[in-house]
Amino acid sequence: HEIKKCLAEGKIVVEPLDDPDVQIQAAWIDLRLGSEFKIFKHTQEPYIDSKNPKEYTETINSDSNPVILHPKEFMLGITKEKIRLPADLVGYVDGRSSLGRLGITAHITSAWIDPGFEGRLVLEISNLGKMPVTIYPNMRIAKLLFFKLNSPAERPYNLRESSKYKNQTAVTE
């Protein structure tokens, strides 16, 4: 009931929220997979230099067709929903266990979503299993949990000049 109240008051924004009866759960909101992905290309480079990365990915868009994720493959995806959190709430994004049981991790690092964040979430998706798995745009891929702070953050994400992913709308590396 508190999630629904925060949504109705505009304190939390999740748009579009097309199926609230399915997406709003006891302590979280299920987020769906968008249609844009970044897949790593095969290259002759011997390694990726983390201090000087080059363009190693290609963007694919798949509005309704499944994307097949093979064992040991990694890609970036994005949520269909844009979210906005107030200065006194923190979010945490986690994969859904139904996909985890197939070997799919929907988010590997940076699960914490700062107070004041606004934008779509880029997901780090990997297949840890032994068989290829199809994933579909619009499928429920992750859950967004909420944690209330005792007081609003002093410098929420949306007010920091150094916020790298502020108002993110596309898959960014």
N, C-alpha and C. Protein backbone atom coordinates (compact mmCIF):
# COMPACT_ATOMS: atom_id res chain seq x y z
N HIS A 1 0.82 -1.20 0.00
CA HIS A 1 0.00 0.00 0.00
C HIS A 1 0.86 1.26 0.00
N GLU A 2 2.05 1.21 0.63
CA GLU A 2 2.91 2.40 0.65
C GLU A 2 3.49 2.70 -0.73
N ILE A 3 3.83 1.65 -1.48
CA ILE A 3 4.33 1.87 -2.84
C ILE A 3 3.24 2.53 -3.68
N LYS A 4 2.03 2.03 -3.60
CA LYS A 4 0.91 2.60 -4.36
C LYS A 4 0.66 4.05 -3.95
N LYS A 5 0.77 4.33 -2.66
CA LYS A 5 0.56 5.69 -2.16
C LYS A 5 1.64 6.63 -2.72
N CYS A 6 2.91 6.18 -2.69
CA CYS A 6 4.01 7.01 -3.21
C CYS A 6 3.86 7.25 -4.71
N LEU A 7 3.39 6.25 -5.43
CA LEU A 7 3.14 6.42 -6.87
C LEU A 7 2.01 7.41 -7.11
N ALA A 8 0.92 7.27 -6.37
CA ALA A 8 -0.24 8.16 -6.54
C ALA A 8 0.11 9.61 -6.22
N GLU A 9 0.98 9.80 -5.22
CA GLU A 9 1.39 11.16 -4.83
C GLU A 9 2.48 11.72 -5.74
N GLY A 10 3.05 10.88 -6.61
CA GLY A 10 4.13 11.32 -7.47
C GLY A 10 5.48 11.34 -6.78
N LYS A 11 5.55 10.80 -5.58
CA LYS A 11 6.82 10.75 -4.85
C LYS A 11 7.78 9.79 -5.55
N ILE A 12 7.28 8.65 -5.97
CA ILE A 12 8.01 7.70 -6.82
C ILE A 12 7.36 7.76 -8.19
N VAL A 13 8.18 7.79 -9.22
CA VAL A 13 7.67 7.74 -10.59
C VAL A 13 8.23 6.49 -11.26
N VAL A 14 7.34 5.69 -11.85
CA VAL A 14 7.71 4.53 -12.66
C VAL A 14 6.81 4.60 -13.88
N GLU A 15 7.39 4.95 -15.04
CA GLU A 15 6.59 5.15 -16.25
C GLU A 15 7.24 4.47 -17.44
N PRO A 16 6.48 3.74 -18.23
CA PRO A 16 5.07 3.43 -18.02
C PRO A 16 4.90 2.28 -17.03
N LEU A 17 3.86 2.34 -16.26
CA LEU A 17 3.50 1.25 -15.36
C LEU A 17 2.20 0.67 -15.92
N ASP A 18 2.35 -0.18 -16.92
CA ASP A 18 1.21 -0.66 -17.71
C ASP A 18 0.34 -1.68 -16.99
N ASP A 19 0.94 -2.46 -16.07
CA ASP A 19 0.18 -3.51 -15.41
C ASP A 19 0.46 -3.49 -13.90
N PRO A 20 -0.03 -2.49 -13.20
CA PRO A 20 0.29 -2.35 -11.77
C PRO A 20 -0.13 -3.55 -10.94
N ASP A 21 -1.21 -4.24 -11.30
CA ASP A 21 -1.64 -5.41 -10.51
C ASP A 21 -0.62 -6.53 -10.56
N VAL A 22 0.15 -6.60 -11.63
CA VAL A 22 1.19 -7.62 -11.76
C VAL A 22 2.54 -7.07 -11.32
N GLN A 23 2.85 -5.85 -11.68
CA GLN A 23 4.18 -5.29 -11.43
C GLN A 23 4.41 -4.86 -9.99
N ILE A 24 3.39 -4.36 -9.31
CA ILE A 24 3.57 -3.92 -7.92
C ILE A 24 3.42 -5.14 -7.02
N GLN A 25 4.51 -5.44 -6.31
CA GLN A 25 4.56 -6.59 -5.41
C GLN A 25 4.59 -6.10 -3.97
N ALA A 26 4.85 -6.99 -3.04
CA ALA A 26 4.79 -6.65 -1.61
C ALA A 26 5.78 -5.55 -1.22
N ALA A 27 7.00 -5.60 -1.74
CA ALA A 27 8.02 -4.62 -1.33
C ALA A 27 8.80 -4.08 -2.52
N TRP A 28 8.32 -4.29 -3.73
CA TRP A 28 9.06 -3.86 -4.90
C TRP A 28 8.12 -3.68 -6.09
N ILE A 29 8.69 -3.15 -7.16
CA ILE A 29 7.98 -3.06 -8.44
C ILE A 29 8.80 -3.82 -9.46
N ASP A 30 8.15 -4.72 -10.19
CA ASP A 30 8.84 -5.43 -11.27
C ASP A 30 9.05 -4.48 -12.44
N LEU A 31 10.28 -4.46 -12.96
CA LEU A 31 10.62 -3.65 -14.12
C LEU A 31 10.77 -4.57 -15.33
N ARG A 32 10.40 -4.04 -16.49
CA ARG A 32 10.44 -4.83 -17.72
C ARG A 32 11.64 -4.43 -18.57
N LEU A 33 12.02 -5.34 -19.41
CA LEU A 33 13.15 -5.14 -20.30
C LEU A 33 12.75 -4.27 -21.48
N GLY A 34 13.56 -3.28 -21.78
CA GLY A 34 13.34 -2.44 -22.95
C GLY A 34 13.76 -3.18 -24.22
N SER A 35 13.87 -2.45 -25.30
CA SER A 35 14.15 -3.08 -26.60
C SER A 35 15.54 -2.75 -27.14
N GLU A 36 16.34 -2.02 -26.38
CA GLU A 36 17.69 -1.65 -26.84
C GLU A 36 18.73 -2.44 -26.05
N PHE A 37 19.72 -2.98 -26.79
CA PHE A 37 20.78 -3.78 -26.17
C PHE A 37 22.12 -3.39 -26.76
N LYS A 38 23.16 -3.55 -25.97
CA LYS A 38 24.53 -3.43 -26.47
C LYS A 38 25.20 -4.78 -26.27
N ILE A 39 25.68 -5.32 -27.38
CA ILE A 39 26.31 -6.63 -27.37
C ILE A 39 27.78 -6.45 -27.72
N PHE A 40 28.64 -7.15 -27.01
CA PHE A 40 30.07 -7.05 -27.27
C PHE A 40 30.43 -7.76 -28.56
N LYS A 41 31.19 -7.06 -29.40
CA LYS A 41 31.64 -7.60 -30.68
C LYS A 41 32.88 -8.45 -30.44
N HIS A 42 33.10 -9.40 -31.34
CA HIS A 42 34.37 -10.13 -31.33
C HIS A 42 35.41 -9.21 -31.97
N THR A 43 36.58 -9.17 -31.39
CA THR A 43 37.60 -8.24 -31.85
C THR A 43 38.97 -8.90 -31.77
N GLN A 44 39.92 -8.32 -32.45
CA GLN A 44 41.30 -8.81 -32.42
C GLN A 44 42.10 -8.21 -31.27
N GLU A 45 41.47 -7.28 -30.54
CA GLU A 45 42.15 -6.66 -29.40
C GLU A 45 42.46 -7.72 -28.35
N PRO A 46 43.64 -7.68 -27.74
CA PRO A 46 43.98 -8.70 -26.74
C PRO A 46 43.29 -8.49 -25.40
N TYR A 47 42.81 -7.27 -25.12
CA TYR A 47 42.16 -6.97 -23.85
C TYR A 47 41.44 -5.63 -23.96
N ILE A 48 40.61 -5.36 -22.96
CA ILE A 48 39.96 -4.06 -22.84
C ILE A 48 40.73 -3.28 -21.78
N ASP A 49 41.21 -2.11 -22.15
CA ASP A 49 41.92 -1.24 -21.21
C ASP A 49 40.86 -0.44 -20.46
N SER A 50 40.67 -0.73 -19.17
CA SER A 50 39.61 -0.08 -18.40
C SER A 50 39.82 1.42 -18.22
N LYS A 51 41.06 1.90 -18.37
CA LYS A 51 41.32 3.34 -18.26
C LYS A 51 41.17 4.04 -19.60
N ASN A 52 41.16 3.30 -20.68
CA ASN A 52 41.05 3.89 -22.01
C ASN A 52 40.22 2.95 -22.91
N PRO A 53 38.95 2.74 -22.55
CA PRO A 53 38.16 1.78 -23.34
C PRO A 53 37.81 2.35 -24.72
N LYS A 54 37.76 1.46 -25.68
CA LYS A 54 37.32 1.79 -27.03
C LYS A 54 35.87 1.34 -27.18
N GLU A 55 35.34 1.51 -28.36
CA GLU A 55 33.98 1.06 -28.64
C GLU A 55 34.02 -0.43 -28.98
N TYR A 56 33.59 -1.26 -28.02
CA TYR A 56 33.62 -2.71 -28.21
C TYR A 56 32.24 -3.31 -28.39
N THR A 57 31.23 -2.46 -28.44
CA THR A 57 29.87 -2.98 -28.51
C THR A 57 29.16 -2.51 -29.77
N GLU A 58 28.11 -3.22 -30.10
CA GLU A 58 27.20 -2.77 -31.16
C GLU A 58 25.80 -2.74 -30.57
N THR A 59 25.01 -1.78 -31.01
CA THR A 59 23.65 -1.62 -30.50
C THR A 59 22.69 -2.39 -31.38
N ILE A 60 21.80 -3.12 -30.75
CA ILE A 60 20.72 -3.77 -31.48
C ILE A 60 19.40 -3.35 -30.84
N ASN A 61 18.39 -3.24 -31.67
CA ASN A 61 17.04 -2.95 -31.20
C ASN A 61 16.14 -4.09 -31.60
N SER A 62 15.34 -4.54 -30.67
CA SER A 62 14.46 -5.67 -30.92
C SER A 62 13.14 -5.39 -30.23
N ASP A 63 12.19 -4.84 -30.97
CA ASP A 63 10.92 -4.45 -30.35
C ASP A 63 10.10 -5.64 -29.86
N SER A 64 10.09 -6.73 -30.61
CA SER A 64 9.26 -7.86 -30.19
C SER A 64 9.98 -9.19 -30.32
N ASN A 65 11.07 -9.23 -31.06
CA ASN A 65 11.79 -10.49 -31.24
C ASN A 65 12.64 -10.81 -30.03
N PRO A 66 12.77 -12.08 -29.70
CA PRO A 66 13.62 -12.43 -28.56
C PRO A 66 15.09 -12.21 -28.90
N VAL A 67 15.87 -12.02 -27.86
CA VAL A 67 17.32 -11.96 -27.97
C VAL A 67 17.83 -13.24 -27.33
N ILE A 68 18.71 -13.93 -28.02
CA ILE A 68 19.25 -15.18 -27.48
C ILE A 68 20.58 -14.88 -26.83
N LEU A 69 20.66 -15.21 -25.57
CA LEU A 69 21.88 -15.00 -24.80
C LEU A 69 22.53 -16.38 -24.58
N HIS A 70 23.69 -16.53 -25.18
CA HIS A 70 24.40 -17.81 -25.13
C HIS A 70 25.21 -17.93 -23.83
N PRO A 71 25.58 -19.14 -23.46
CA PRO A 71 26.38 -19.32 -22.24
C PRO A 71 27.64 -18.46 -22.28
N LYS A 72 27.94 -17.86 -21.15
CA LYS A 72 29.12 -17.00 -20.94
C LYS A 72 29.04 -15.68 -21.68
N GLU A 73 27.92 -15.37 -22.32
CA GLU A 73 27.78 -14.07 -23.00
C GLU A 73 27.30 -13.02 -22.01
N PHE A 74 27.62 -11.78 -22.35
CA PHE A 74 27.29 -10.63 -21.53
C PHE A 74 26.77 -9.54 -22.44
N MET A 75 25.75 -8.84 -22.00
CA MET A 75 25.25 -7.70 -22.77
C MET A 75 24.65 -6.69 -21.82
N LEU A 76 24.45 -5.50 -22.34
CA LEU A 76 23.78 -4.44 -21.61
C LEU A 76 22.37 -4.29 -22.16
N GLY A 77 21.43 -4.11 -21.28
CA GLY A 77 20.05 -3.85 -21.68
C GLY A 77 19.56 -2.66 -20.87
N ILE A 78 18.33 -2.27 -21.11
CA ILE A 78 17.77 -1.11 -20.40
C ILE A 78 16.34 -1.42 -20.01
N THR A 79 15.91 -0.84 -18.92
CA THR A 79 14.52 -1.06 -18.51
C THR A 79 13.58 -0.27 -19.42
N LYS A 80 12.39 -0.80 -19.59
CA LYS A 80 11.37 -0.09 -20.34
C LYS A 80 10.92 1.14 -19.55
N GLU A 81 10.88 0.98 -18.24
CA GLU A 81 10.39 2.04 -17.37
C GLU A 81 11.47 3.07 -17.04
N LYS A 82 11.05 4.29 -17.03
CA LYS A 82 11.86 5.39 -16.48
C LYS A 82 11.43 5.52 -15.03
N ILE A 83 12.40 5.70 -14.15
CA ILE A 83 12.06 5.86 -12.74
C ILE A 83 12.57 7.20 -12.22
N ARG A 84 11.96 7.66 -11.14
CA ARG A 84 12.44 8.85 -10.43
C ARG A 84 12.22 8.60 -8.94
N LEU A 85 13.29 8.78 -8.18
CA LEU A 85 13.23 8.60 -6.74
C LEU A 85 13.39 9.94 -6.04
N PRO A 86 12.71 10.13 -4.92
CA PRO A 86 12.88 11.36 -4.16
C PRO A 86 14.17 11.32 -3.35
N ALA A 87 14.47 12.40 -2.69
CA ALA A 87 15.72 12.52 -1.92
C ALA A 87 15.73 11.68 -0.66
N ASP A 88 14.58 11.14 -0.24
CA ASP A 88 14.55 10.34 0.98
C ASP A 88 14.29 8.85 0.74
N LEU A 89 14.42 8.42 -0.51
CA LEU A 89 14.28 6.99 -0.83
C LEU A 89 15.48 6.52 -1.63
N VAL A 90 15.91 5.31 -1.35
CA VAL A 90 16.98 4.65 -2.10
C VAL A 90 16.35 3.45 -2.79
N GLY A 91 16.82 3.16 -3.98
CA GLY A 91 16.34 1.98 -4.69
C GLY A 91 17.42 0.93 -4.78
N TYR A 92 17.01 -0.29 -5.00
CA TYR A 92 17.93 -1.41 -5.20
C TYR A 92 17.32 -2.28 -6.30
N VAL A 93 18.08 -2.52 -7.35
CA VAL A 93 17.59 -3.34 -8.45
C VAL A 93 18.22 -4.72 -8.34
N ASP A 94 17.39 -5.74 -8.50
CA ASP A 94 17.84 -7.12 -8.38
C ASP A 94 17.13 -7.95 -9.44
N GLY A 95 17.78 -9.00 -9.88
CA GLY A 95 17.19 -9.88 -10.88
C GLY A 95 16.04 -10.68 -10.31
N ARG A 96 15.25 -11.24 -11.21
CA ARG A 96 14.13 -12.08 -10.79
C ARG A 96 14.62 -13.53 -10.69
N SER A 97 14.19 -14.22 -9.66
CA SER A 97 14.68 -15.58 -9.42
C SER A 97 14.25 -16.54 -10.52
N SER A 98 13.12 -16.29 -11.17
CA SER A 98 12.69 -17.19 -12.25
C SER A 98 13.69 -17.19 -13.40
N LEU A 99 14.36 -16.06 -13.64
CA LEU A 99 15.41 -16.02 -14.66
C LEU A 99 16.73 -16.54 -14.10
N GLY A 100 17.00 -16.23 -12.84
CA GLY A 100 18.21 -16.72 -12.20
C GLY A 100 18.29 -18.24 -12.22
N ARG A 101 17.16 -18.88 -12.11
CA ARG A 101 17.13 -20.35 -12.13
C ARG A 101 17.40 -20.92 -13.51
N LEU A 102 17.37 -20.04 -14.52
CA LEU A 102 17.76 -20.45 -15.88
C LEU A 102 19.22 -20.09 -16.16
N GLY A 103 19.88 -19.42 -15.22
CA GLY A 103 21.27 -19.02 -15.39
C GLY A 103 21.44 -17.57 -15.77
N ILE A 104 20.35 -16.81 -15.87
CA ILE A 104 20.43 -15.42 -16.30
C ILE A 104 20.53 -14.49 -15.09
N THR A 105 21.60 -13.70 -15.05
CA THR A 105 21.70 -12.64 -14.07
C THR A 105 21.24 -11.36 -14.75
N ALA A 106 20.33 -10.66 -14.13
CA ALA A 106 19.77 -9.46 -14.76
C ALA A 106 20.52 -8.21 -14.35
N HIS A 107 21.28 -8.28 -13.30
CA HIS A 107 22.05 -7.12 -12.90
C HIS A 107 23.19 -7.60 -12.00
N ILE A 108 24.41 -7.25 -12.35
CA ILE A 108 25.57 -7.81 -11.66
C ILE A 108 26.15 -6.84 -10.64
N THR A 109 26.35 -5.60 -11.00
CA THR A 109 26.95 -4.63 -10.09
C THR A 109 26.11 -3.37 -10.05
N SER A 110 26.47 -2.47 -9.21
CA SER A 110 25.82 -1.15 -9.12
C SER A 110 24.31 -1.28 -8.96
N ALA A 111 23.89 -2.14 -8.09
CA ALA A 111 22.46 -2.36 -7.88
C ALA A 111 21.81 -1.22 -7.10
N TRP A 112 22.63 -0.46 -6.39
CA TRP A 112 22.13 0.64 -5.56
C TRP A 112 21.73 1.81 -6.44
N ILE A 113 20.56 2.36 -6.21
CA ILE A 113 20.07 3.52 -6.97
C ILE A 113 19.95 4.69 -5.99
N ASP A 114 20.73 5.70 -6.25
CA ASP A 114 20.84 6.84 -5.34
C ASP A 114 19.53 7.60 -5.19
N PRO A 115 19.34 8.21 -4.01
CA PRO A 115 18.21 9.12 -3.85
C PRO A 115 18.31 10.22 -4.90
N GLY A 116 17.18 10.58 -5.49
CA GLY A 116 17.17 11.63 -6.50
C GLY A 116 17.47 11.15 -7.90
N PHE A 117 17.71 9.84 -8.11
CA PHE A 117 17.98 9.35 -9.46
C PHE A 117 16.74 9.49 -10.32
N GLU A 118 16.97 9.83 -11.58
CA GLU A 118 15.90 9.87 -12.58
C GLU A 118 16.45 9.35 -13.89
N GLY A 119 15.74 8.41 -14.48
CA GLY A 119 16.14 7.86 -15.77
C GLY A 119 15.76 6.40 -15.88
N ARG A 120 16.21 5.79 -16.96
CA ARG A 120 16.02 4.35 -17.16
C ARG A 120 17.27 3.65 -16.65
N LEU A 121 17.12 2.44 -16.16
CA LEU A 121 18.23 1.70 -15.59
C LEU A 121 18.88 0.81 -16.64
N VAL A 122 20.19 0.92 -16.76
CA VAL A 122 20.94 0.02 -17.64
C VAL A 122 21.26 -1.23 -16.83
N LEU A 123 20.96 -2.38 -17.41
CA LEU A 123 21.15 -3.66 -16.74
C LEU A 123 22.33 -4.41 -17.35
N GLU A 124 23.10 -5.05 -16.51
CA GLU A 124 24.22 -5.88 -16.93
C GLU A 124 23.72 -7.32 -16.92
N ILE A 125 23.50 -7.89 -18.10
CA ILE A 125 22.83 -9.18 -18.22
C ILE A 125 23.83 -10.23 -18.70
N SER A 126 23.83 -11.36 -18.04
CA SER A 126 24.77 -12.41 -18.39
C SER A 126 24.10 -13.77 -18.29
N ASN A 127 24.58 -14.71 -19.07
CA ASN A 127 24.11 -16.09 -19.02
C ASN A 127 25.20 -16.93 -18.36
N LEU A 128 24.98 -17.35 -17.15
CA LEU A 128 25.94 -18.18 -16.42
C LEU A 128 25.67 -19.67 -16.61
N GLY A 129 24.60 -19.98 -17.32
CA GLY A 129 24.20 -21.38 -17.49
C GLY A 129 24.93 -22.07 -18.63
N LYS A 130 24.47 -23.27 -18.94
CA LYS A 130 25.09 -24.09 -19.98
C LYS A 130 24.32 -24.10 -21.29
N MET A 131 23.12 -23.48 -21.29
CA MET A 131 22.29 -23.48 -22.50
C MET A 131 21.91 -22.06 -22.88
N PRO A 132 21.74 -21.79 -24.18
CA PRO A 132 21.24 -20.47 -24.59
C PRO A 132 19.85 -20.23 -24.01
N VAL A 133 19.57 -18.97 -23.71
CA VAL A 133 18.28 -18.59 -23.14
C VAL A 133 17.75 -17.40 -23.93
N THR A 134 16.47 -17.44 -24.27
CA THR A 134 15.86 -16.30 -24.94
C THR A 134 15.30 -15.34 -23.89
N ILE A 135 15.55 -14.07 -24.13
CA ILE A 135 14.93 -13.04 -23.31
C ILE A 135 14.17 -12.11 -24.27
N TYR A 136 13.09 -11.56 -23.79
CA TYR A 136 12.17 -10.81 -24.64
C TYR A 136 11.99 -9.39 -24.14
N PRO A 137 11.96 -8.43 -25.07
CA PRO A 137 11.54 -7.08 -24.67
C PRO A 137 10.16 -7.16 -24.02
N ASN A 138 9.94 -6.34 -23.04
CA ASN A 138 8.70 -6.24 -22.26
C ASN A 138 8.54 -7.32 -21.19
N MET A 139 9.47 -8.29 -21.13
CA MET A 139 9.35 -9.29 -20.07
C MET A 139 9.81 -8.68 -18.75
N ARG A 140 9.23 -9.15 -17.65
CA ARG A 140 9.69 -8.69 -16.34
C ARG A 140 11.08 -9.27 -16.11
N ILE A 141 12.05 -8.38 -15.92
CA ILE A 141 13.46 -8.79 -15.87
C ILE A 141 14.09 -8.56 -14.49
N ALA A 142 13.61 -7.55 -13.77
CA ALA A 142 14.24 -7.19 -12.49
C ALA A 142 13.19 -6.60 -11.56
N LYS A 143 13.57 -6.48 -10.31
CA LYS A 143 12.69 -5.85 -9.34
C LYS A 143 13.39 -4.64 -8.74
N LEU A 144 12.60 -3.61 -8.49
CA LEU A 144 13.08 -2.38 -7.88
C LEU A 144 12.55 -2.32 -6.46
N LEU A 145 13.45 -2.48 -5.50
CA LEU A 145 13.10 -2.42 -4.08
C LEU A 145 13.35 -1.01 -3.56
N PHE A 146 12.67 -0.65 -2.48
CA PHE A 146 12.77 0.70 -1.93
C PHE A 146 13.19 0.65 -0.47
N PHE A 147 14.04 1.61 -0.09
CA PHE A 147 14.47 1.76 1.29
C PHE A 147 14.32 3.22 1.68
N LYS A 148 13.67 3.46 2.81
CA LYS A 148 13.43 4.83 3.27
C LYS A 148 14.61 5.28 4.11
N LEU A 149 15.10 6.48 3.82
CA LEU A 149 16.15 7.09 4.62
C LEU A 149 15.51 7.81 5.81
N ASN A 150 16.27 7.98 6.88
CA ASN A 150 15.76 8.71 8.05
C ASN A 150 15.52 10.18 7.74
N SER A 151 16.29 10.71 6.78
CA SER A 151 16.11 12.09 6.35
C SER A 151 16.55 12.17 4.89
N PRO A 152 16.15 13.21 4.18
CA PRO A 152 16.56 13.33 2.77
C PRO A 152 18.07 13.42 2.62
N ALA A 153 18.57 12.90 1.53
CA ALA A 153 20.00 12.98 1.24
C ALA A 153 20.42 14.44 1.12
N GLU A 154 21.61 14.73 1.60
CA GLU A 154 22.12 16.10 1.53
C GLU A 154 22.39 16.51 0.09
N ARG A 155 22.93 15.60 -0.71
CA ARG A 155 23.21 15.86 -2.13
C ARG A 155 22.64 14.73 -2.97
N PRO A 156 21.33 14.76 -3.27
CA PRO A 156 20.75 13.70 -4.09
C PRO A 156 21.38 13.67 -5.49
N TYR A 157 21.26 12.53 -6.12
CA TYR A 157 21.90 12.28 -7.41
C TYR A 157 21.57 13.35 -8.44
N ASN A 158 20.32 13.76 -8.51
CA ASN A 158 19.89 14.71 -9.54
C ASN A 158 20.45 16.11 -9.32
N LEU A 159 21.00 16.40 -8.14
CA LEU A 159 21.55 17.73 -7.87
C LEU A 159 23.08 17.77 -7.92
N ARG A 160 23.72 16.63 -8.14
CA ARG A 160 25.19 16.60 -8.22
C ARG A 160 25.63 16.84 -9.66
N GLU A 161 26.58 17.72 -9.86
CA GLU A 161 27.09 18.00 -11.20
C GLU A 161 27.83 16.80 -11.78
N SER A 162 28.38 15.97 -10.94
CA SER A 162 29.17 14.83 -11.41
C SER A 162 28.32 13.60 -11.72
N SER A 163 27.01 13.70 -11.67
CA SER A 163 26.14 12.55 -11.91
C SER A 163 26.25 12.09 -13.36
N LYS A 164 26.90 10.97 -13.54
CA LYS A 164 27.24 10.46 -14.87
C LYS A 164 26.02 9.96 -15.66
N TYR A 165 25.04 9.39 -14.97
CA TYR A 165 23.92 8.76 -15.66
C TYR A 165 22.59 9.48 -15.42
N LYS A 166 22.67 10.76 -15.10
CA LYS A 166 21.47 11.55 -14.84
C LYS A 166 20.59 11.61 -16.09
N ASN A 167 19.30 11.34 -15.93
CA ASN A 167 18.31 11.37 -17.02
C ASN A 167 18.66 10.43 -18.18
N GLN A 168 19.28 9.33 -17.86
CA GLN A 168 19.68 8.33 -18.85
C GLN A 168 18.46 7.77 -19.57
N THR A 169 18.50 7.76 -20.90
CA THR A 169 17.38 7.26 -21.68
C THR A 169 17.76 6.14 -22.64
N ALA A 170 19.07 5.88 -22.77
CA ALA A 170 19.54 4.85 -23.69
C ALA A 170 20.61 4.01 -23.01
N VAL A 171 20.93 2.89 -23.61
CA VAL A 171 21.96 2.03 -23.06
C VAL A 171 23.30 2.73 -23.22
N THR A 172 23.93 3.01 -22.10
CA THR A 172 25.25 3.65 -22.12
C THR A 172 26.25 2.71 -21.46
N GLU A 173 27.47 2.76 -21.95
CA GLU A 173 28.50 1.90 -21.38
C GLU A 173 29.15 2.57 -20.20
